[in-house]
């Protein structure tokens, strides 16, 4: 699925502030390498239903064996192993006698301590990997997970590694064993050990995704094989909100355009981002923040939510809005399935101009049957002229005024809003009184 940088920013996939970052919210990985792999996976939505369902099956496998997942492999474990290969160490005896081993320990105290310390962590690492293989052994693993576990098994099959894995937990290694194993790990197993670290990091990212699905009680969506675009969601919510309100949405080719109105702060932007984020997460193979979701495989997702001006290039806010619409039209004219999200169209020009421009754009976009559209606007007046088009749905967020106080229900209702609350907000925040006292 095609997604550009603007859309990733609009959906806050990798926001700089952690509390606003989807990456941070979904990060239940246990290592730095796992987090880097998670970042890699989150940036690359999948392009086929087969890949998506395979990832869903992988995460489901991990969830079923989560109680057996080793907690001994930590970020510290990985760091110790990597540090071992970076630190200069005097030649370790390959097959030392008891005397040789004793002399090496005596004459190379710091090196010996590093070997002993590393072996402790390395043992935890390979025993943990073996535990993962065993816990998944009874599972019907998808091809991707079979490949990963097969690589691990192959790399753990070396006799010395097997000896380390099966060494009794309560029995300390002798100094000759420590140096023999230390020599092999450093000189004969470096590339394999670092490969195992990389494989585990990827597995740790999938573990983090699976744990996020469980922690937030996400549900795995189902994909329709239809050629036409569709999106049906029950109890959709935005996962970054502490107490979200859930919505239902149903877009099909015959009703492919959602015209959304409502007062500022009523929930329009949150709703649009929730739709985009759920579709994006579905194409990662993850669960989604909804009770139930069925959708088509989209070829692309584009948003127009947080447009900005460009002072250096001398480009106005309105000009960049126009450029974004132009880019959108260029992309979605390919006949493929797209989801387009537009929040507050043409904020950068005067009302009359914005109404004319918005009407022209909406009347043009709604002709495109290969795409689904969710568009919000504060220009409620243009809604009546759009009611003639049967493929446009009209929804709004209701706002109630009680004793000069705004009450937001965040409930999505059918129809067009006619709220005019800008002055009331200005008054409620004390701005009117301050101005009158000047």
Protein backbone atom coordinates (compact mmCIF):
# COMPACT_ATOMS: atom_id res chain seq x y z
CA UNK A 1 0.00 0.00 0.00
CA UNK A 2 1.37 3.38 -1.02
CA UNK A 3 1.69 5.91 1.80
CA UNK A 4 3.72 9.11 1.59
CA UNK A 5 5.58 11.05 4.28
CA UNK A 6 2.78 13.60 4.64
CA UNK A 7 0.30 10.86 5.48
CA UNK A 8 2.69 9.23 7.96
CA UNK A 9 3.03 12.62 9.67
CA UNK A 10 -0.72 13.28 9.60
CA UNK A 11 -1.39 9.93 11.29
CA UNK A 12 1.48 10.53 13.81
CA UNK A 13 3.06 7.14 13.03
CA UNK A 14 6.52 8.45 14.00
CA UNK A 15 5.76 11.70 15.86
CA UNK A 16 8.71 13.26 17.69
CA UNK A 17 6.74 13.63 20.92
CA UNK A 18 6.44 10.12 22.34
CA UNK A 19 2.97 10.58 23.82
CA UNK A 20 1.70 11.43 20.32
CA UNK A 21 3.62 8.70 18.49
CA UNK A 22 1.90 5.54 17.29
CA UNK A 23 5.31 3.84 17.29
CA UNK A 24 5.77 4.57 20.99
CA UNK A 25 2.21 3.49 21.75
CA UNK A 26 2.66 0.12 20.04
CA UNK A 27 6.20 -0.54 21.23
CA UNK A 28 6.14 -3.56 23.55
CA UNK A 29 9.45 -4.92 22.23
CA UNK A 30 12.15 -5.68 24.79
CA UNK A 31 15.31 -4.61 22.95
CA UNK A 32 16.66 -1.65 21.02
CA UNK A 33 17.03 -3.89 17.97
CA UNK A 34 13.40 -4.93 18.36
CA UNK A 35 12.33 -1.29 18.41
CA UNK A 36 14.34 -0.59 15.24
CA UNK A 37 12.73 -3.55 13.50
CA UNK A 38 9.31 -2.38 14.73
CA UNK A 39 10.00 1.04 13.23
CA UNK A 40 10.98 -0.66 9.97
CA UNK A 41 7.80 -2.78 9.91
CA UNK A 42 5.50 0.13 10.78
CA UNK A 43 6.89 2.13 7.86
CA UNK A 44 6.06 -0.59 5.32
CA UNK A 45 2.39 -1.54 5.00
CA UNK A 46 1.93 -4.80 3.13
CA UNK A 47 0.75 -5.09 -0.44
CA UNK A 48 -1.22 -8.33 -0.55
CA UNK A 49 -3.91 -10.06 1.48
CA UNK A 50 -1.66 -13.14 1.65
CA UNK A 51 1.15 -11.18 3.34
CA UNK A 52 -1.29 -9.50 5.72
CA UNK A 53 -2.99 -12.74 6.77
CA UNK A 54 0.40 -14.40 7.21
CA UNK A 55 1.47 -11.61 9.58
CA UNK A 56 -1.83 -11.89 11.45
CA UNK A 57 -1.22 -15.63 11.84
CA UNK A 58 2.33 -14.97 13.06
CA UNK A 59 1.13 -12.56 15.74
CA UNK A 60 -1.62 -14.99 16.75
CA UNK A 61 1.00 -17.74 17.16
CA UNK A 62 3.06 -15.55 19.46
CA UNK A 63 -0.03 -14.66 21.50
CA UNK A 64 -0.84 -18.33 22.03
CA UNK A 65 2.62 -19.06 23.48
CA UNK A 66 3.17 -15.75 25.27
CA UNK A 67 3.31 -17.46 28.68
CA UNK A 68 6.33 -19.49 27.54
CA UNK A 69 8.09 -16.55 25.87
CA UNK A 70 11.53 -16.15 27.50
CA UNK A 71 11.93 -13.08 29.69
CA UNK A 72 15.65 -13.72 30.17
CA UNK A 73 16.59 -12.17 26.81
CA UNK A 74 16.81 -8.49 27.59
CA UNK A 75 18.37 -5.48 25.94
CA UNK A 76 21.27 -5.89 28.38
CA UNK A 77 21.81 -9.46 27.17
CA UNK A 78 22.11 -8.31 23.56
CA UNK A 79 24.42 -5.43 24.49
CA UNK A 80 26.79 -7.74 26.39
CA UNK A 81 27.07 -10.12 23.42
CA UNK A 82 27.71 -7.29 20.95
CA UNK A 83 30.23 -5.66 23.30
CA UNK A 84 32.13 -8.94 23.57
CA UNK A 85 32.94 -8.84 19.86
CA UNK A 86 33.95 -5.18 19.96
CA UNK A 87 36.30 -5.44 22.95
CA UNK A 88 39.99 -6.44 22.43
CA UNK A 89 40.76 -9.69 24.26
CA UNK A 90 44.02 -11.68 24.49
CA UNK A 91 43.90 -14.94 22.56
CA UNK A 92 41.65 -17.39 24.38
CA UNK A 93 42.97 -20.98 24.53
CA UNK A 94 41.07 -23.23 22.14
CA UNK A 95 41.33 -26.48 24.13
CA UNK A 96 43.10 -25.54 27.35
CA UNK A 97 44.33 -28.01 29.90
CA UNK A 98 43.45 -27.32 33.53
CA UNK A 99 46.87 -25.69 33.99
CA UNK A 100 46.55 -23.57 30.83
CA UNK A 101 43.10 -22.45 31.85
CA UNK A 102 44.29 -21.54 35.35
CA UNK A 103 47.26 -19.56 34.00
CA UNK A 104 45.07 -17.65 31.53
CA UNK A 105 42.70 -16.73 34.33
CA UNK A 106 45.62 -15.65 36.52
CA UNK A 107 47.43 -13.60 33.88
CA UNK A 108 44.38 -12.16 32.10
CA UNK A 109 41.99 -11.34 34.90
CA UNK A 110 40.01 -8.66 33.05
CA UNK A 111 39.71 -10.71 29.88
CA UNK A 112 38.68 -13.77 31.85
CA UNK A 113 36.03 -11.78 33.72
CA UNK A 114 34.65 -10.51 30.40
CA UNK A 115 34.51 -14.07 29.02
CA UNK A 116 32.77 -15.37 32.14
CA UNK A 117 30.27 -12.52 32.16
CA UNK A 118 29.58 -12.84 28.45
CA UNK A 119 29.04 -16.59 28.68
CA UNK A 120 26.40 -16.05 31.36
CA UNK A 121 24.44 -13.75 29.05
CA UNK A 122 25.15 -15.79 25.93
CA UNK A 123 23.81 -18.89 27.67
CA UNK A 124 20.61 -17.04 28.59
CA UNK A 125 20.34 -15.89 24.99
CA UNK A 126 20.66 -19.28 23.28
CA UNK A 127 18.56 -21.05 25.93
CA UNK A 128 15.88 -18.40 25.38
CA UNK A 129 15.96 -18.94 21.63
CA UNK A 130 15.70 -22.69 22.17
CA UNK A 131 12.68 -22.08 24.42
CA UNK A 132 11.01 -20.05 21.66
CA UNK A 133 11.55 -22.91 19.20
CA UNK A 134 10.12 -25.42 21.64
CA UNK A 135 7.09 -23.29 22.56
CA UNK A 136 6.23 -22.80 18.90
CA UNK A 137 6.82 -26.45 18.07
CA UNK A 138 3.20 -27.47 18.55
CA UNK A 139 1.82 -24.47 16.66
CA UNK A 140 0.66 -24.38 13.05
CA UNK A 141 3.17 -21.76 12.00
CA UNK A 142 2.74 -19.55 8.92
CA UNK A 143 5.56 -19.66 6.31
CA UNK A 144 7.19 -16.44 7.56
CA UNK A 145 7.49 -17.76 11.11
CA UNK A 146 8.64 -21.16 9.85
CA UNK A 147 11.46 -19.43 7.99
CA UNK A 148 12.52 -17.46 11.06
CA UNK A 149 12.44 -20.46 13.41
CA UNK A 150 14.20 -22.60 10.80
CA UNK A 151 17.07 -20.10 10.66
CA UNK A 152 17.33 -20.12 14.44
CA UNK A 153 17.37 -23.93 14.61
CA UNK A 154 20.08 -24.13 11.96
CA UNK A 155 22.32 -21.66 13.79
CA UNK A 156 21.76 -23.34 17.17
CA UNK A 157 22.59 -26.79 15.81
CA UNK A 158 26.37 -26.44 16.30
CA UNK A 159 27.66 -29.03 18.84
CA UNK A 160 29.29 -26.44 21.12
CA UNK A 161 26.12 -24.33 21.18
CA UNK A 162 24.04 -27.40 21.96
CA UNK A 163 26.44 -28.25 24.80
CA UNK A 164 25.92 -24.75 26.22
CA UNK A 165 22.13 -24.99 25.86
CA UNK A 166 21.93 -28.37 27.60
CA UNK A 167 24.40 -27.58 30.38
CA UNK A 168 22.51 -27.89 33.69
CA UNK A 169 21.30 -24.52 34.92
CA UNK A 170 22.46 -25.10 38.51
CA UNK A 171 25.91 -26.35 37.49
CA UNK A 172 28.63 -23.77 36.97
CA UNK A 173 30.93 -24.04 33.97
CA UNK A 174 34.52 -25.00 34.78
CA UNK A 175 37.27 -22.57 33.83
CA UNK A 176 38.37 -24.90 31.03
CA UNK A 177 34.80 -25.01 29.66
CA UNK A 178 34.51 -21.25 29.93
CA UNK A 179 37.65 -20.71 27.88
CA UNK A 180 36.84 -23.45 25.37
CA UNK A 181 33.35 -22.06 24.81
CA UNK A 182 34.64 -18.49 24.91
CA UNK A 183 37.19 -19.26 22.19
CA UNK A 184 34.54 -20.85 19.97
CA UNK A 185 32.00 -18.07 20.44
CA UNK A 186 34.57 -15.38 19.71
CA UNK A 187 36.49 -17.01 16.86
CA UNK A 188 34.16 -19.55 15.31
CA UNK A 189 30.66 -18.24 15.93
CA UNK A 190 30.79 -14.45 15.62
CA UNK A 191 28.84 -14.11 12.37
CA UNK A 192 26.29 -16.70 13.52
CA UNK A 193 25.86 -15.00 16.91
CA UNK A 194 25.30 -11.58 15.34
CA UNK A 195 22.89 -13.13 12.85
CA UNK A 196 20.95 -14.65 15.75
CA UNK A 197 20.85 -11.23 17.42
CA UNK A 198 19.38 -9.73 14.24
CA UNK A 199 16.85 -12.55 13.85
CA UNK A 200 15.80 -12.21 17.47
CA UNK A 201 15.45 -8.44 17.04
CA UNK A 202 12.97 -9.01 14.23
CA UNK A 203 11.14 -11.62 16.28
CA UNK A 204 11.12 -9.19 19.21
CA UNK A 205 9.41 -6.60 17.01
CA UNK A 206 6.67 -9.11 16.14
CA UNK A 207 6.42 -9.98 19.83
CA UNK A 208 5.94 -6.27 20.57
CA UNK A 209 3.22 -5.98 17.93
CA UNK A 210 1.45 -9.05 19.34
CA UNK A 211 1.62 -7.73 22.90
CA UNK A 212 0.24 -4.37 21.77
CA UNK A 213 -2.72 -6.16 20.16
CA UNK A 214 -3.41 -7.98 23.41
CA UNK A 215 -2.79 -5.03 25.72
CA UNK A 216 -5.15 -2.70 23.83
CA UNK A 217 -7.58 -5.51 22.90
CA UNK A 218 -7.29 -4.85 19.18
CA UNK A 219 -9.20 -7.15 16.84
CA UNK A 220 -7.81 -8.62 13.64
CA UNK A 221 -9.68 -7.29 10.60
CA UNK A 222 -10.91 -9.39 7.71
CA UNK A 223 -10.12 -8.49 4.11
CA UNK A 224 -12.57 -8.65 1.26
CA UNK A 225 -11.32 -9.95 -2.06
CA UNK A 226 -13.71 -7.68 -3.96
CA UNK A 227 -12.37 -5.49 -6.72
CA UNK A 228 -14.41 -2.54 -5.45
CA UNK A 229 -13.19 -0.50 -2.45
CA UNK A 230 -15.04 -1.00 0.82
CA UNK A 231 -14.63 -0.22 4.50
CA UNK A 232 -16.99 -1.31 7.28
CA UNK A 233 -16.01 -0.75 10.92
CA UNK A 234 -17.91 -1.22 14.16
CA UNK A 235 -16.87 0.61 17.33
CA UNK A 236 -13.84 2.30 15.80
CA UNK A 237 -11.78 4.53 18.11
CA UNK A 238 -8.48 6.38 18.13
CA UNK A 239 -5.94 4.29 20.10
CA UNK A 240 -3.95 7.24 21.45
CA UNK A 241 -6.91 8.67 23.39
CA UNK A 242 -7.21 7.64 27.07
CA UNK A 243 -11.04 7.58 27.00
CA UNK A 244 -12.05 7.37 23.35
CA UNK A 245 -15.56 7.42 21.92
CA UNK A 246 -16.30 4.70 19.37
CA UNK A 247 -17.82 5.22 15.92
CA UNK A 248 -19.30 3.10 13.13
CA UNK A 249 -18.47 3.72 9.48
CA UNK A 250 -19.56 2.01 6.29
CA UNK A 251 -18.19 3.06 2.90
CA UNK A 252 -18.82 1.15 -0.32
CA UNK A 253 -18.52 2.05 -3.97
CA UNK A 254 -22.16 3.22 -4.15
CA UNK A 255 -21.71 5.35 -0.99
CA UNK A 256 -18.04 6.16 -1.24
CA UNK A 257 -17.95 9.77 0.01
CA UNK A 258 -18.41 10.82 3.65
CA UNK A 259 -19.09 14.55 4.09
CA UNK A 260 -18.34 15.41 7.71
CA UNK A 261 -19.30 18.58 9.58
CA UNK A 262 -19.33 19.80 13.16
CA UNK A 263 -17.96 22.49 15.45
CA UNK A 264 -14.29 22.96 16.19
CA UNK A 265 -13.13 20.52 18.88
CA UNK A 266 -16.19 18.40 18.14
CA UNK A 267 -14.16 15.36 17.04
CA UNK A 268 -13.84 15.64 13.24
CA UNK A 269 -10.05 15.48 13.05
CA UNK A 270 -9.85 12.67 15.59
CA UNK A 271 -12.41 10.66 13.65
CA UNK A 272 -10.57 11.10 10.34
CA UNK A 273 -7.26 10.12 11.91
CA UNK A 274 -8.87 7.09 13.57
CA UNK A 275 -10.16 5.89 10.19
CA UNK A 276 -6.78 6.36 8.53
CA UNK A 277 -4.85 4.76 11.37
CA UNK A 278 -7.11 1.70 11.51
CA UNK A 279 -6.77 1.11 7.77
CA UNK A 280 -3.01 1.64 7.99
CA UNK A 281 -2.64 -0.80 10.91
CA UNK A 282 -4.78 -3.36 9.10
CA UNK A 283 -2.31 -3.28 6.20
CA UNK A 284 0.55 -3.95 8.62
CA UNK A 285 -1.07 -7.24 9.60
CA UNK A 286 -1.87 -5.92 13.08
CA UNK A 287 -5.09 -5.85 15.01
CA UNK A 288 -7.06 -2.61 14.83
CA UNK A 289 -8.76 -0.39 17.44
CA UNK A 290 -12.29 -1.54 16.65
CA UNK A 291 -14.74 -4.25 17.62
CA UNK A 292 -15.01 -5.49 14.04
CA UNK A 293 -13.56 -4.39 10.73
CA UNK A 294 -13.87 -5.58 7.14
CA UNK A 295 -12.12 -3.80 4.30
CA UNK A 296 -10.74 -4.19 0.84
CA UNK A 297 -7.03 -4.24 0.14
CA UNK A 298 -6.15 -0.63 -0.63
CA UNK A 299 -3.42 0.28 -3.09
CA UNK A 300 -2.84 3.58 -1.37
CA UNK A 301 -3.73 5.92 1.49
CA UNK A 302 -3.38 9.69 1.21
CA UNK A 303 -4.29 12.38 3.73
CA UNK A 304 -4.60 16.14 3.71
CA UNK A 305 -4.81 17.03 7.41
CA UNK A 306 -1.88 19.15 8.59
CA UNK A 307 -0.92 21.23 5.57
CA UNK A 308 1.60 24.01 6.29
CA UNK A 309 2.96 27.00 4.44
CA UNK A 310 6.58 27.14 3.28
CA UNK A 311 8.23 30.46 4.11
CA UNK A 312 11.54 29.60 2.44
CA UNK A 313 9.88 28.76 -0.89
CA UNK A 314 7.39 31.60 -0.50
CA UNK A 315 4.48 29.19 -0.71
CA UNK A 316 1.25 30.08 1.08
CA UNK A 317 -0.94 27.72 3.07
CA UNK A 318 -3.61 27.85 0.37
CA UNK A 319 -1.09 27.16 -2.40
CA UNK A 320 0.12 24.06 -0.57
CA UNK A 321 -3.48 22.91 -0.09
CA UNK A 322 -3.99 23.20 -3.84
CA UNK A 323 -0.74 21.35 -4.51
CA UNK A 324 -1.80 18.54 -2.19
CA UNK A 325 -5.14 18.18 -3.99
CA UNK A 326 -3.29 18.21 -7.33
CA UNK A 327 -0.95 15.47 -6.12
CA UNK A 328 -3.90 13.46 -4.82
CA UNK A 329 -5.75 13.69 -8.15
CA UNK A 330 -2.64 12.65 -10.04
CA UNK A 331 -2.16 9.58 -7.90
CA UNK A 332 -5.72 8.32 -7.63
CA UNK A 333 -6.36 8.62 -11.38
CA UNK A 334 -4.60 5.26 -11.84
CA UNK A 335 -7.82 3.26 -11.36
CA UNK A 336 -6.52 1.53 -8.22
CA UNK A 337 -8.21 1.45 -4.80
CA UNK A 338 -7.44 4.46 -2.60
CA UNK A 339 -8.56 5.85 0.75
CA UNK A 340 -8.44 9.65 0.81
CA UNK A 341 -8.71 11.67 4.04
CA UNK A 342 -9.19 15.44 3.91
CA UNK A 343 -9.64 17.56 7.03
CA UNK A 344 -11.02 21.12 6.77
CA UNK A 345 -10.56 21.69 3.05
CA UNK A 346 -9.26 25.11 1.96
CA UNK A 347 -8.71 26.75 5.33
CA UNK A 348 -6.15 29.08 3.73
CA UNK A 349 -8.47 31.38 1.80
CA UNK A 350 -11.55 33.53 2.36
CA UNK A 351 -14.95 31.93 2.95
CA UNK A 352 -16.50 32.67 -0.45
CA UNK A 353 -13.41 31.43 -2.30
CA UNK A 354 -13.19 28.38 -0.07
CA UNK A 355 -16.84 27.48 -0.69
CA UNK A 356 -16.44 27.67 -4.46
CA UNK A 357 -13.14 25.73 -4.45
CA UNK A 358 -14.47 23.09 -2.05
CA UNK A 359 -17.61 22.50 -4.09
CA UNK A 360 -15.63 22.08 -7.30
CA UNK A 361 -13.23 19.63 -5.65
CA UNK A 362 -15.94 17.55 -3.96
CA UNK A 363 -18.07 17.37 -7.10
CA UNK A 364 -15.01 16.14 -8.97
CA UNK A 365 -13.73 13.67 -6.38
CA UNK A 366 -17.08 12.03 -5.81
CA UNK A 367 -17.06 10.82 -9.45
CA UNK A 368 -14.07 8.58 -8.74
CA UNK A 369 -15.50 5.16 -7.99
CA UNK A 370 -12.13 3.54 -7.32
CA UNK A 371 -11.60 5.51 -4.10
CA UNK A 372 -13.25 6.09 -0.74
CA UNK A 373 -13.29 9.61 0.68
CA UNK A 374 -13.69 11.05 4.17
CA UNK A 375 -13.79 14.85 4.06
CA UNK A 376 -14.52 17.32 6.83
CA UNK A 377 -15.34 20.99 6.41
CA UNK A 378 -16.49 23.99 8.40
CA UNK A 379 -18.31 25.24 5.30
CA UNK A 380 -21.69 23.75 6.15
CA UNK A 381 -23.46 25.84 3.52
CA UNK A 382 -22.17 23.80 0.61
CA UNK A 383 -23.76 20.62 2.00
CA UNK A 384 -27.26 21.35 0.72
CA UNK A 385 -26.11 21.55 -2.90
CA UNK A 386 -24.29 18.24 -2.51
CA UNK A 387 -27.40 16.33 -1.40
CA UNK A 388 -28.27 15.74 -5.05
CA UNK A 389 -25.44 13.20 -5.30
CA UNK A 390 -26.51 9.75 -4.09
CA UNK A 391 -23.00 8.51 -3.30
CA UNK A 392 -22.33 11.20 -0.66
CA UNK A 393 -23.12 10.37 2.98
CA UNK A 394 -23.63 13.22 5.45
CA UNK A 395 -22.50 12.92 9.07
CA UNK A 396 -21.86 15.47 11.79
CA UNK A 397 -20.65 15.75 15.39
CA UNK A 398 -23.25 17.30 17.65
CA UNK A 399 -22.37 20.06 20.10
CA UNK A 400 -24.72 21.29 22.83
CA UNK A 401 -24.63 24.73 24.44
CA UNK A 402 -25.79 24.87 28.07
CA UNK A 403 -25.37 27.94 30.26
CA UNK A 404 -22.80 29.32 27.81
CA UNK A 405 -20.82 26.12 28.15
CA UNK A 406 -19.98 23.80 25.27
CA UNK A 407 -20.83 20.13 25.71
CA UNK A 408 -19.24 17.75 23.22
CA UNK A 409 -20.87 14.34 22.92
CA UNK A 410 -18.40 13.18 20.21
CA UNK A 411 -21.28 11.14 18.79
CA UNK A 412 -21.43 10.77 15.02
CA UNK A 413 -24.92 11.56 13.71
CA UNK A 414 -26.57 11.59 10.31
CA UNK A 415 -27.03 14.96 8.66
CA UNK A 416 -25.23 18.31 8.40
CA UNK A 417 -24.26 20.46 11.37
CA UNK A 418 -25.31 24.08 11.58
CA UNK A 419 -23.37 24.99 14.72
CA UNK A 420 -21.84 28.47 14.89
CA UNK A 421 -19.75 28.39 18.01
CA UNK A 422 -16.62 30.40 17.21
CA UNK A 423 -17.76 33.52 19.08
CA UNK A 424 -18.92 31.45 22.05
CA UNK A 425 -15.49 29.81 22.34
CA UNK A 426 -13.85 33.23 22.12
CA UNK A 427 -16.13 34.47 24.91
CA UNK A 428 -15.73 31.36 27.07
CA UNK A 429 -11.96 31.67 27.01
CA UNK A 430 -12.16 35.27 28.24
CA UNK A 431 -10.83 36.81 25.04
CA UNK A 432 -13.93 39.01 24.51
CA UNK A 433 -13.70 40.45 28.03
CA UNK A 434 -9.96 41.16 27.60
CA UNK A 435 -10.61 42.97 24.34
CA UNK A 436 -13.39 45.05 25.83
CA UNK A 437 -11.14 46.14 28.67
CA UNK A 438 -8.41 47.47 26.35
